[in-house]
């Protein structure tokens, strides 16, 4: 069990995408760059997953989560779990971001199936969870958790699922801080800005999880149960499974650090632990020397 059964879900922050009706009219922006970099990493052309256009979202009608009211619901259902995860992240970052000098605004999480239209273009579930800075929304198909198990060999337990959402929320914090605007995502490699962005998001996820048991619902009840060592190991397992080196070895049979865009398994685990142990203030991956990254 991850959530306190008696905790109440706010009903805010998460929407389910309406039926998708064709290609998006979203602009490429960082969304397109991310797909290009992912194509380089996997050696597969995925650019067809992104549409060109104006940079505005063409999303069908969306709805809130239904049958998601308590922590017990979140423990039983992956979509409800995202809902209460959003509540916890909101509670943490609404206080933490201003303490770091960041003007905070809440993101929105869009749950979708198969395909979705965004402010960064259109994408299918094959892209995995992602954050679009153009519309400040996180996009997630919960089927990705099954993919973590079947294709990446991760345990993908409840806490690792929370970590995935926390990582994408970390990208939102980077966007608010102006980090996206100053980062050079045209380069790849172990010490590239692209990798520094990703491991910083891992670090932010770790920082939030370390404080997550203190976040509360509107009635003051804690949202999460105390986190166990086994659950932290589960989150670290997910971070390891989606490291560039692990993915390259699995898909290409060899590792090429010069094409990394997300960081190695070791880097992702280490930066997650840095945030978990030392807090969000320790997550400035752009300030550390190449050898320390």
C-alpha atoms as a PDB file:
ATOM      1  CA  UNK A   1       0.000   0.000   0.000  1.00  0.00           C
ATOM      2  CA  UNK A   2       1.256   3.499  -0.893  1.00  0.00           C
ATOM      3  CA  UNK A   3      -1.530   5.925  -0.009  1.00  0.00           C
ATOM      4  CA  UNK A   4      -3.391   6.414   3.235  1.00  0.00           C
ATOM      5  CA  UNK A   5      -6.736   4.700   2.568  1.00  0.00           C
ATOM      6  CA  UNK A   6      -8.643   7.522   4.265  1.00  0.00           C
ATOM      7  CA  UNK A   7      -6.975  10.378   2.354  1.00  0.00           C
ATOM      8  CA  UNK A   8      -9.281  12.361   0.087  1.00  0.00           C
ATOM      9  CA  UNK A   9      -8.521  13.179  -3.548  1.00  0.00           C
ATOM     10  CA  UNK A  10      -9.071  16.849  -4.427  1.00  0.00           C
ATOM     11  CA  UNK A  11     -10.431  16.102  -7.888  1.00  0.00           C
ATOM     12  CA  UNK A  12      -8.102  18.737  -9.351  1.00  0.00           C
ATOM     13  CA  UNK A  13      -5.009  18.636 -11.497  1.00  0.00           C
ATOM     14  CA  UNK A  14      -5.762  15.556 -13.615  1.00  0.00           C
ATOM     15  CA  UNK A  15      -7.965  15.269 -16.689  1.00  0.00           C
ATOM     16  CA  UNK A  16      -8.736  12.390 -19.032  1.00  0.00           C
ATOM     17  CA  UNK A  17      -8.313  13.157 -22.699  1.00  0.00           C
ATOM     18  CA  UNK A  18     -11.324  13.121 -24.965  1.00  0.00           C
ATOM     19  CA  UNK A  19     -11.393  10.931 -28.049  1.00  0.00           C
ATOM     20  CA  UNK A  20      -8.551  11.815 -30.412  1.00  0.00           C
ATOM     21  CA  UNK A  21      -9.720  12.976 -33.831  1.00  0.00           C
ATOM     22  CA  UNK A  22      -6.731  13.081 -36.129  1.00  0.00           C
ATOM     23  CA  UNK A  23      -3.399  14.894 -36.176  1.00  0.00           C
ATOM     24  CA  UNK A  24      -2.554  17.731 -33.877  1.00  0.00           C
ATOM     25  CA  UNK A  25      -1.986  21.331 -34.875  1.00  0.00           C
ATOM     26  CA  UNK A  26       0.691  21.758 -32.221  1.00  0.00           C
ATOM     27  CA  UNK A  27       4.087  23.288 -32.884  1.00  0.00           C
ATOM     28  CA  UNK A  28       7.282  21.250 -32.694  1.00  0.00           C
ATOM     29  CA  UNK A  29       9.303  23.194 -30.103  1.00  0.00           C
ATOM     30  CA  UNK A  30      10.951  21.093 -27.426  1.00  0.00           C
ATOM     31  CA  UNK A  31       8.392  18.360 -28.088  1.00  0.00           C
ATOM     32  CA  UNK A  32       9.838  17.829 -31.553  1.00  0.00           C
ATOM     33  CA  UNK A  33      13.407  18.102 -30.280  1.00  0.00           C
ATOM     34  CA  UNK A  34      12.679  15.422 -27.698  1.00  0.00           C
ATOM     35  CA  UNK A  35      11.367  13.071 -30.387  1.00  0.00           C
ATOM     36  CA  UNK A  36      14.382  13.717 -32.616  1.00  0.00           C
ATOM     37  CA  UNK A  37      16.745  12.968 -29.737  1.00  0.00           C
ATOM     38  CA  UNK A  38      14.790   9.841 -28.850  1.00  0.00           C
ATOM     39  CA  UNK A  39      15.026   8.764 -32.491  1.00  0.00           C
ATOM     40  CA  UNK A  40      18.803   9.159 -32.325  1.00  0.00           C
ATOM     41  CA  UNK A  41      18.938   7.170 -29.122  1.00  0.00           C
ATOM     42  CA  UNK A  42      16.854   4.241 -30.334  1.00  0.00           C
ATOM     43  CA  UNK A  43      18.007   4.306 -33.933  1.00  0.00           C
ATOM     44  CA  UNK A  44      14.369   4.461 -35.069  1.00  0.00           C
ATOM     45  CA  UNK A  45      12.641   7.341 -36.846  1.00  0.00           C
ATOM     46  CA  UNK A  46       9.923   8.511 -34.456  1.00  0.00           C
ATOM     47  CA  UNK A  47       9.481  12.007 -35.885  1.00  0.00           C
ATOM     48  CA  UNK A  48       6.204  10.974 -37.478  1.00  0.00           C
ATOM     49  CA  UNK A  49       4.716  10.956 -33.993  1.00  0.00           C
ATOM     50  CA  UNK A  50       4.818  14.754 -33.911  1.00  0.00           C
ATOM     51  CA  UNK A  51       2.707  17.066 -36.052  1.00  0.00           C
ATOM     52  CA  UNK A  52       3.594  20.561 -37.183  1.00  0.00           C
ATOM     53  CA  UNK A  53       1.499  23.648 -36.657  1.00  0.00           C
ATOM     54  CA  UNK A  54       0.806  26.693 -34.578  1.00  0.00           C
ATOM     55  CA  UNK A  55       1.869  25.672 -31.086  1.00  0.00           C
ATOM     56  CA  UNK A  56      -1.670  25.498 -29.717  1.00  0.00           C
ATOM     57  CA  UNK A  57      -3.365  22.372 -28.439  1.00  0.00           C
ATOM     58  CA  UNK A  58      -6.193  20.764 -30.404  1.00  0.00           C
ATOM     59  CA  UNK A  59      -7.445  18.480 -27.661  1.00  0.00           C
ATOM     60  CA  UNK A  60     -10.863  16.882 -27.586  1.00  0.00           C
ATOM     61  CA  UNK A  61     -13.181  17.399 -24.641  1.00  0.00           C
ATOM     62  CA  UNK A  62     -11.633  16.124 -21.423  1.00  0.00           C
ATOM     63  CA  UNK A  63     -13.149  15.008 -18.151  1.00  0.00           C
ATOM     64  CA  UNK A  64     -12.056  14.644 -14.558  1.00  0.00           C
ATOM     65  CA  UNK A  65     -11.325  11.286 -12.972  1.00  0.00           C
ATOM     66  CA  UNK A  66     -14.405   9.308 -12.008  1.00  0.00           C
ATOM     67  CA  UNK A  67     -14.637   6.847  -9.123  1.00  0.00           C
ATOM     68  CA  UNK A  68     -11.485   8.343  -7.613  1.00  0.00           C
ATOM     69  CA  UNK A  69     -12.214   9.740  -4.183  1.00  0.00           C
ATOM     70  CA  UNK A  70      -9.848   8.273  -1.607  1.00  0.00           C
ATOM     71  CA  UNK A  71      -6.419   6.828  -1.047  1.00  0.00           C
ATOM     72  CA  UNK A  72      -7.989   3.381  -1.130  1.00  0.00           C
ATOM     73  CA  UNK A  73      -9.078   4.089  -4.708  1.00  0.00           C
ATOM     74  CA  UNK A  74      -5.540   5.192  -5.556  1.00  0.00           C
ATOM     75  CA  UNK A  75      -4.084   2.003  -4.119  1.00  0.00           C
ATOM     76  CA  UNK A  76      -6.397  -0.045  -6.334  1.00  0.00           C
ATOM     77  CA  UNK A  77      -6.344   1.920  -9.602  1.00  0.00           C
ATOM     78  CA  UNK A  78      -3.444   3.367 -11.616  1.00  0.00           C
ATOM     79  CA  UNK A  79      -5.350   6.435 -12.846  1.00  0.00           C
ATOM     80  CA  UNK A  80      -6.586   7.267  -9.354  1.00  0.00           C
ATOM     81  CA  UNK A  81      -2.990   6.838  -8.189  1.00  0.00           C
ATOM     82  CA  UNK A  82      -1.944   9.585 -10.605  1.00  0.00           C
ATOM     83  CA  UNK A  83      -4.663  11.792  -9.131  1.00  0.00           C
ATOM     84  CA  UNK A  84      -3.438  11.568  -5.539  1.00  0.00           C
ATOM     85  CA  UNK A  85       0.162  11.779  -6.729  1.00  0.00           C
ATOM     86  CA  UNK A  86      -0.763  15.095  -8.334  1.00  0.00           C
ATOM     87  CA  UNK A  87      -2.230  16.302  -5.026  1.00  0.00           C
ATOM     88  CA  UNK A  88       0.974  15.414  -3.201  1.00  0.00           C
ATOM     89  CA  UNK A  89       3.230  17.035  -5.799  1.00  0.00           C
ATOM     90  CA  UNK A  90       1.103  20.173  -5.794  1.00  0.00           C
ATOM     91  CA  UNK A  91       1.260  20.409  -1.997  1.00  0.00           C
ATOM     92  CA  UNK A  92       5.050  20.049  -2.032  1.00  0.00           C
ATOM     93  CA  UNK A  93       5.970  22.299  -4.963  1.00  0.00           C
ATOM     94  CA  UNK A  94       3.530  25.089  -4.117  1.00  0.00           C
ATOM     95  CA  UNK A  95       5.735  25.669  -1.069  1.00  0.00           C
ATOM     96  CA  UNK A  96       9.125  24.479  -2.310  1.00  0.00           C
ATOM     97  CA  UNK A  97       9.248  26.338  -5.636  1.00  0.00           C
ATOM     98  CA  UNK A  98       8.814  29.837  -4.125  1.00  0.00           C
ATOM     99  CA  UNK A  99      11.460  28.939  -1.537  1.00  0.00           C
ATOM    100  CA  UNK A 100      13.811  28.395  -4.486  1.00  0.00           C
ATOM    101  CA  UNK A 101      12.884  31.763  -6.023  1.00  0.00           C
ATOM    102  CA  UNK A 102      10.548  30.233  -8.623  1.00  0.00           C
ATOM    103  CA  UNK A 103       7.146  31.784  -9.311  1.00  0.00           C
ATOM    104  CA  UNK A 104       4.874  28.765  -9.097  1.00  0.00           C
ATOM    105  CA  UNK A 105       1.904  27.819 -11.288  1.00  0.00           C
ATOM    106  CA  UNK A 106       0.247  24.410 -11.277  1.00  0.00           C
ATOM    107  CA  UNK A 107       0.599  22.085 -14.262  1.00  0.00           C
ATOM    108  CA  UNK A 108      -2.197  19.870 -15.539  1.00  0.00           C
ATOM    109  CA  UNK A 109      -1.849  16.122 -16.044  1.00  0.00           C
ATOM    110  CA  UNK A 110      -3.613  14.693 -19.095  1.00  0.00           C
ATOM    111  CA  UNK A 111      -4.259  10.955 -19.067  1.00  0.00           C
ATOM    112  CA  UNK A 112      -4.683   9.512 -22.545  1.00  0.00           C
ATOM    113  CA  UNK A 113      -4.799   6.244 -24.443  1.00  0.00           C
ATOM    114  CA  UNK A 114      -3.028   5.487 -27.734  1.00  0.00           C
ATOM    115  CA  UNK A 115      -2.572   9.079 -28.958  1.00  0.00           C
ATOM    116  CA  UNK A 116      -2.940  12.682 -27.870  1.00  0.00           C
ATOM    117  CA  UNK A 117      -2.772  16.217 -29.273  1.00  0.00           C
ATOM    118  CA  UNK A 118      -0.669  18.702 -27.328  1.00  0.00           C
ATOM    119  CA  UNK A 119       0.780  22.177 -27.535  1.00  0.00           C
ATOM    120  CA  UNK A 120       4.027  20.527 -28.647  1.00  0.00           C
ATOM    121  CA  UNK A 121       2.467  18.401 -31.380  1.00  0.00           C
ATOM    122  CA  UNK A 122       0.750  15.023 -31.571  1.00  0.00           C
ATOM    123  CA  UNK A 123       2.197  11.876 -30.069  1.00  0.00           C
ATOM    124  CA  UNK A 124       1.335   8.255 -29.483  1.00  0.00           C
ATOM    125  CA  UNK A 125       1.738   6.206 -26.351  1.00  0.00           C
ATOM    126  CA  UNK A 126       5.005   4.866 -27.802  1.00  0.00           C
ATOM    127  CA  UNK A 127       6.691   8.130 -26.791  1.00  0.00           C
ATOM    128  CA  UNK A 128       6.070   7.423 -23.102  1.00  0.00           C
ATOM    129  CA  UNK A 129       5.197  10.065 -20.464  1.00  0.00           C
ATOM    130  CA  UNK A 130       6.280  13.579 -21.363  1.00  0.00           C
ATOM    131  CA  UNK A 131       5.953  17.235 -20.381  1.00  0.00           C
ATOM    132  CA  UNK A 132       5.017  19.911 -22.919  1.00  0.00           C
ATOM    133  CA  UNK A 133       6.334  23.366 -21.959  1.00  0.00           C
ATOM    134  CA  UNK A 134       4.142  25.053 -24.588  1.00  0.00           C
ATOM    135  CA  UNK A 135       0.937  24.233 -22.698  1.00  0.00           C
ATOM    136  CA  UNK A 136       2.501  23.402 -19.294  1.00  0.00           C
ATOM    137  CA  UNK A 137       0.854  19.988 -19.217  1.00  0.00           C
ATOM    138  CA  UNK A 138       2.071  16.491 -18.415  1.00  0.00           C
ATOM    139  CA  UNK A 139       0.879  13.679 -20.686  1.00  0.00           C
ATOM    140  CA  UNK A 140       0.699  10.088 -19.500  1.00  0.00           C
ATOM    141  CA  UNK A 141      -0.795   6.824 -20.714  1.00  0.00           C
ATOM    142  CA  UNK A 142      -0.861   4.581 -17.633  1.00  0.00           C
ATOM    143  CA  UNK A 143      -0.220   1.629 -19.963  1.00  0.00           C
ATOM    144  CA  UNK A 144       3.398   2.848 -19.790  1.00  0.00           C
ATOM    145  CA  UNK A 145       3.668   1.158 -16.423  1.00  0.00           C
ATOM    146  CA  UNK A 146       3.043  -2.195 -18.112  1.00  0.00           C
ATOM    147  CA  UNK A 147       5.644  -1.250 -20.724  1.00  0.00           C
ATOM    148  CA  UNK A 148       8.169  -0.630 -17.952  1.00  0.00           C
ATOM    149  CA  UNK A 149       7.693  -4.234 -16.888  1.00  0.00           C
ATOM    150  CA  UNK A 150       7.379  -5.973 -20.237  1.00  0.00           C
ATOM    151  CA  UNK A 151       9.930  -4.054 -22.324  1.00  0.00           C
ATOM    152  CA  UNK A 152      12.310  -2.477 -19.816  1.00  0.00           C
ATOM    153  CA  UNK A 153      12.335  -5.201 -17.151  1.00  0.00           C
ATOM    154  CA  UNK A 154      11.392  -2.832 -14.320  1.00  0.00           C
ATOM    155  CA  UNK A 155       9.378  -3.928 -11.301  1.00  0.00           C
ATOM    156  CA  UNK A 156       7.138  -0.870 -11.837  1.00  0.00           C
ATOM    157  CA  UNK A 157       5.484  -1.008  -8.424  1.00  0.00           C
ATOM    158  CA  UNK A 158       3.386   1.836  -6.991  1.00  0.00           C
ATOM    159  CA  UNK A 159       6.267   4.020  -5.842  1.00  0.00           C
ATOM    160  CA  UNK A 160       8.056   3.776  -9.173  1.00  0.00           C
ATOM    161  CA  UNK A 161       4.805   4.928 -10.783  1.00  0.00           C
ATOM    162  CA  UNK A 162       4.830   7.943  -8.490  1.00  0.00           C
ATOM    163  CA  UNK A 163       8.461   8.568  -9.457  1.00  0.00           C
ATOM    164  CA  UNK A 164       7.506   8.722 -13.145  1.00  0.00           C
ATOM    165  CA  UNK A 165       4.927  11.439 -12.449  1.00  0.00           C
ATOM    166  CA  UNK A 166       7.336  13.269 -10.137  1.00  0.00           C
ATOM    167  CA  UNK A 167       9.994  13.274 -12.863  1.00  0.00           C
ATOM    168  CA  UNK A 168       7.651  14.923 -15.369  1.00  0.00           C
ATOM    169  CA  UNK A 169       6.529  17.451 -12.727  1.00  0.00           C
ATOM    170  CA  UNK A 170      10.223  18.197 -12.290  1.00  0.00           C
ATOM    171  CA  UNK A 171      10.338  19.257 -15.931  1.00  0.00           C
ATOM    172  CA  UNK A 172       7.509  21.682 -15.185  1.00  0.00           C
ATOM    173  CA  UNK A 173       9.576  23.200 -12.371  1.00  0.00           C
ATOM    174  CA  UNK A 174      12.484  23.563 -14.815  1.00  0.00           C
ATOM    175  CA  UNK A 175      10.202  25.329 -17.254  1.00  0.00           C
ATOM    176  CA  UNK A 176       8.994  27.757 -14.586  1.00  0.00           C
ATOM    177  CA  UNK A 177      12.588  28.389 -13.503  1.00  0.00           C
ATOM    178  CA  UNK A 178      13.619  29.270 -17.059  1.00  0.00           C
ATOM    179  CA  UNK A 179      15.958  26.307 -17.324  1.00  0.00           C
ATOM    180  CA  UNK A 180      14.356  25.074 -20.540  1.00  0.00           C
ATOM    181  CA  UNK A 181      14.830  28.480 -22.143  1.00  0.00           C
ATOM    182  CA  UNK A 182      18.570  28.578 -21.450  1.00  0.00           C
ATOM    183  CA  UNK A 183      19.443  24.909 -21.997  1.00  0.00           C
ATOM    184  CA  UNK A 184      20.996  23.829 -25.300  1.00  0.00           C
ATOM    185  CA  UNK A 185      19.086  20.667 -26.218  1.00  0.00           C
ATOM    186  CA  UNK A 186      20.660  20.419 -29.671  1.00  0.00           C
ATOM    187  CA  UNK A 187      23.599  18.451 -28.288  1.00  0.00           C
ATOM    188  CA  UNK A 188      23.751  14.894 -26.971  1.00  0.00           C
ATOM    189  CA  UNK A 189      26.241  13.099 -24.751  1.00  0.00           C
ATOM    190  CA  UNK A 190      26.915  12.317 -21.105  1.00  0.00           C
ATOM    191  CA  UNK A 191      27.502  15.943 -20.063  1.00  0.00           C
ATOM    192  CA  UNK A 192      25.040  17.576 -22.462  1.00  0.00           C
ATOM    193  CA  UNK A 193      22.332  19.963 -21.329  1.00  0.00           C
ATOM    194  CA  UNK A 194      19.749  17.368 -22.370  1.00  0.00           C
ATOM    195  CA  UNK A 195      21.155  14.895 -19.851  1.00  0.00           C
ATOM    196  CA  UNK A 196      21.491  17.596 -17.174  1.00  0.00           C
ATOM    197  CA  UNK A 197      17.789  18.392 -17.619  1.00  0.00           C
ATOM    198  CA  UNK A 198      16.777  14.771 -17.222  1.00  0.00           C
ATOM    199  CA  UNK A 199      18.859  13.916 -14.177  1.00  0.00           C
ATOM    200  CA  UNK A 200      17.774  17.164 -12.528  1.00  0.00           C
ATOM    201  CA  UNK A 201      14.162  16.051 -13.011  1.00  0.00           C
ATOM    202  CA  UNK A 202      15.124  12.738 -11.366  1.00  0.00           C
ATOM    203  CA  UNK A 203      16.636  14.702  -8.494  1.00  0.00           C
ATOM    204  CA  UNK A 204      13.488  16.803  -8.110  1.00  0.00           C
ATOM    205  CA  UNK A 205      11.411  13.604  -8.024  1.00  0.00           C
ATOM    206  CA  UNK A 206      13.603  12.244  -5.244  1.00  0.00           C
ATOM    207  CA  UNK A 207      13.347  15.489  -3.266  1.00  0.00           C
ATOM    208  CA  UNK A 208       9.552  15.399  -3.444  1.00  0.00           C
ATOM    209  CA  UNK A 209       9.330  11.741  -2.435  1.00  0.00           C
ATOM    210  CA  UNK A 210      11.482  12.393   0.625  1.00  0.00           C
ATOM    211  CA  UNK A 211       8.866  14.899   1.804  1.00  0.00           C
ATOM    212  CA  UNK A 212       5.807  13.180   0.352  1.00  0.00           C
ATOM    213  CA  UNK A 213       4.729  11.550   3.597  1.00  0.00           C
ATOM    214  CA  UNK A 214       4.277  15.054   5.038  1.00  0.00           C
ATOM    215  CA  UNK A 215       1.894  16.233   2.310  1.00  0.00           C
ATOM    216  CA  UNK A 216      -1.747  16.329   3.333  1.00  0.00           C
ATOM    217  CA  UNK A 217      -5.262  16.530   1.931  1.00  0.00           C
ATOM    218  CA  UNK A 218      -7.738  19.356   2.573  1.00  0.00           C
ATOM    219  CA  UNK A 219      -8.665  17.803   5.932  1.00  0.00           C
ATOM    220  CA  UNK A 220      -5.049  17.634   7.076  1.00  0.00           C
ATOM    221  CA  UNK A 221      -4.764  13.854   6.661  1.00  0.00           C
ATOM    222  CA  UNK A 222      -1.492  12.590   5.265  1.00  0.00           C
ATOM    223  CA  UNK A 223      -1.752  11.426   1.678  1.00  0.00           C
ATOM    224  CA  UNK A 224       0.962   8.787   1.747  1.00  0.00           C
ATOM    225  CA  UNK A 225       1.991   6.056   4.120  1.00  0.00           C
ATOM    226  CA  UNK A 226       5.637   5.977   5.281  1.00  0.00           C
ATOM    227  CA  UNK A 227       7.902   4.946   2.424  1.00  0.00           C
ATOM    228  CA  UNK A 228       9.799   1.688   2.905  1.00  0.00           C
ATOM    229  CA  UNK A 229      13.286   0.766   1.743  1.00  0.00           C
ATOM    230  CA  UNK A 230      11.743  -1.786  -0.617  1.00  0.00           C
ATOM    231  CA  UNK A 231       9.629   0.931  -2.238  1.00  0.00           C
ATOM    232  CA  UNK A 232      12.650   3.186  -2.709  1.00  0.00           C
ATOM    233  CA  UNK A 233      14.427   0.242  -4.319  1.00  0.00           C
ATOM    234  CA  UNK A 234      11.447  -0.064  -6.665  1.00  0.00           C
ATOM    235  CA  UNK A 235      11.751   3.596  -7.697  1.00  0.00           C
ATOM    236  CA  UNK A 236      15.502   3.214  -8.218  1.00  0.00           C
ATOM    237  CA  UNK A 237      14.830   0.129 -10.301  1.00  0.00           C
ATOM    238  CA  UNK A 238      12.626   2.186 -12.622  1.00  0.00           C
ATOM    239  CA  UNK A 239      15.275   4.924 -12.891  1.00  0.00           C
ATOM    240  CA  UNK A 240      17.841   2.292 -13.776  1.00  0.00           C
ATOM    241  CA  UNK A 241      15.631   0.552 -16.336  1.00  0.00           C
ATOM    242  CA  UNK A 242      15.227   3.722 -18.411  1.00  0.00           C
ATOM    243  CA  UNK A 243      18.860   4.782 -18.357  1.00  0.00           C
ATOM    244  CA  UNK A 244      20.334   5.466 -21.796  1.00  0.00           C
ATOM    245  CA  UNK A 245      22.943   2.743 -21.452  1.00  0.00           C
ATOM    246  CA  UNK A 246      20.361   0.102 -20.527  1.00  0.00           C
ATOM    247  CA  UNK A 247      18.093   1.095 -23.407  1.00  0.00           C
ATOM    248  CA  UNK A 248      20.932   1.188 -25.923  1.00  0.00           C
ATOM    249  CA  UNK A 249      22.260  -2.176 -24.815  1.00  0.00           C
ATOM    250  CA  UNK A 250      18.786  -3.652 -25.138  1.00  0.00           C
ATOM    251  CA  UNK A 251      17.906  -2.103 -28.505  1.00  0.00           C
ATOM    252  CA  UNK A 252      21.324  -1.836 -30.186  1.00  0.00           C
ATOM    253  CA  UNK A 253      23.510  -4.330 -28.382  1.00  0.00           C
ATOM    254  CA  UNK A 254      26.097  -1.650 -27.572  1.00  0.00           C
ATOM    255  CA  UNK A 255      26.417   1.539 -25.546  1.00  0.00           C
ATOM    256  CA  UNK A 256      27.268   4.900 -27.133  1.00  0.00           C
ATOM    257  CA  UNK A 257      27.526   7.685 -24.507  1.00  0.00           C
ATOM    258  CA  UNK A 258      27.918  10.321 -27.232  1.00  0.00           C
ATOM    259  CA  UNK A 259      24.229   9.934 -28.120  1.00  0.00           C
ATOM    260  CA  UNK A 260      22.841   9.969 -24.568  1.00  0.00           C
ATOM    261  CA  UNK A 261      19.912  12.291 -23.888  1.00  0.00           C
ATOM    262  CA  UNK A 262      18.686  11.099 -20.466  1.00  0.00           C
ATOM    263  CA  UNK A 263      21.750   9.821 -18.620  1.00  0.00           C
ATOM    264  CA  UNK A 264      22.991   6.385 -17.639  1.00  0.00           C
ATOM    265  CA  UNK A 265      21.254   4.102 -15.171  1.00  0.00           C
ATOM    266  CA  UNK A 266      23.879   4.974 -12.558  1.00  0.00           C
ATOM    267  CA  UNK A 267      23.450   8.718 -13.114  1.00  0.00           C
ATOM    268  CA  UNK A 268      19.671   8.580 -12.888  1.00  0.00           C
ATOM    269  CA  UNK A 269      19.746   6.537  -9.696  1.00  0.00           C
ATOM    270  CA  UNK A 270      22.450   8.713  -8.124  1.00  0.00           C
ATOM    271  CA  UNK A 271      20.680  12.004  -8.815  1.00  0.00           C
ATOM    272  CA  UNK A 272      17.378  10.601  -7.572  1.00  0.00           C
ATOM    273  CA  UNK A 273      19.140   9.653  -4.337  1.00  0.00           C
ATOM    274  CA  UNK A 274      20.781  13.097  -4.164  1.00  0.00           C
ATOM    275  CA  UNK A 275      17.366  14.737  -4.145  1.00  0.00           C
ATOM    276  CA  UNK A 276      15.946  12.183  -1.754  1.00  0.00           C
ATOM    277  CA  UNK A 277      18.779  12.699   0.709  1.00  0.00           C
ATOM    278  CA  UNK A 278      19.580  16.405   0.357  1.00  0.00           C
ATOM    279  CA  UNK A 279      16.439  18.071  -1.013  1.00  0.00           C
ATOM    280  CA  UNK A 280      15.614  20.090  -4.117  1.00  0.00           C
ATOM    281  CA  UNK A 281      18.283  22.715  -3.383  1.00  0.00           C
ATOM    282  CA  UNK A 282      20.934  20.054  -4.125  1.00  0.00           C
ATOM    283  CA  UNK A 283      19.585  19.436  -7.630  1.00  0.00           C
ATOM    284  CA  UNK A 284      21.492  22.066  -9.643  1.00  0.00           C
ATOM    285  CA  UNK A 285      22.931  19.667 -12.188  1.00  0.00           C
ATOM    286  CA  UNK A 286      23.991  22.595 -14.373  1.00  0.00           C
ATOM    287  CA  UNK A 287      26.394  23.851 -11.710  1.00  0.00           C
ATOM    288  CA  UNK A 288      28.427  20.665 -11.306  1.00  0.00           C
ATOM    289  CA  UNK A 289      31.551  19.930 -13.308  1.00  0.00           C
ATOM    290  CA  UNK A 290      31.404  17.358 -16.096  1.00  0.00           C
ATOM    291  CA  UNK A 291      33.295  14.811 -14.026  1.00  0.00           C
ATOM    292  CA  UNK A 292      30.813  15.174 -11.149  1.00  0.00           C
ATOM    293  CA  UNK A 293      27.700  14.813 -13.286  1.00  0.00           C
END
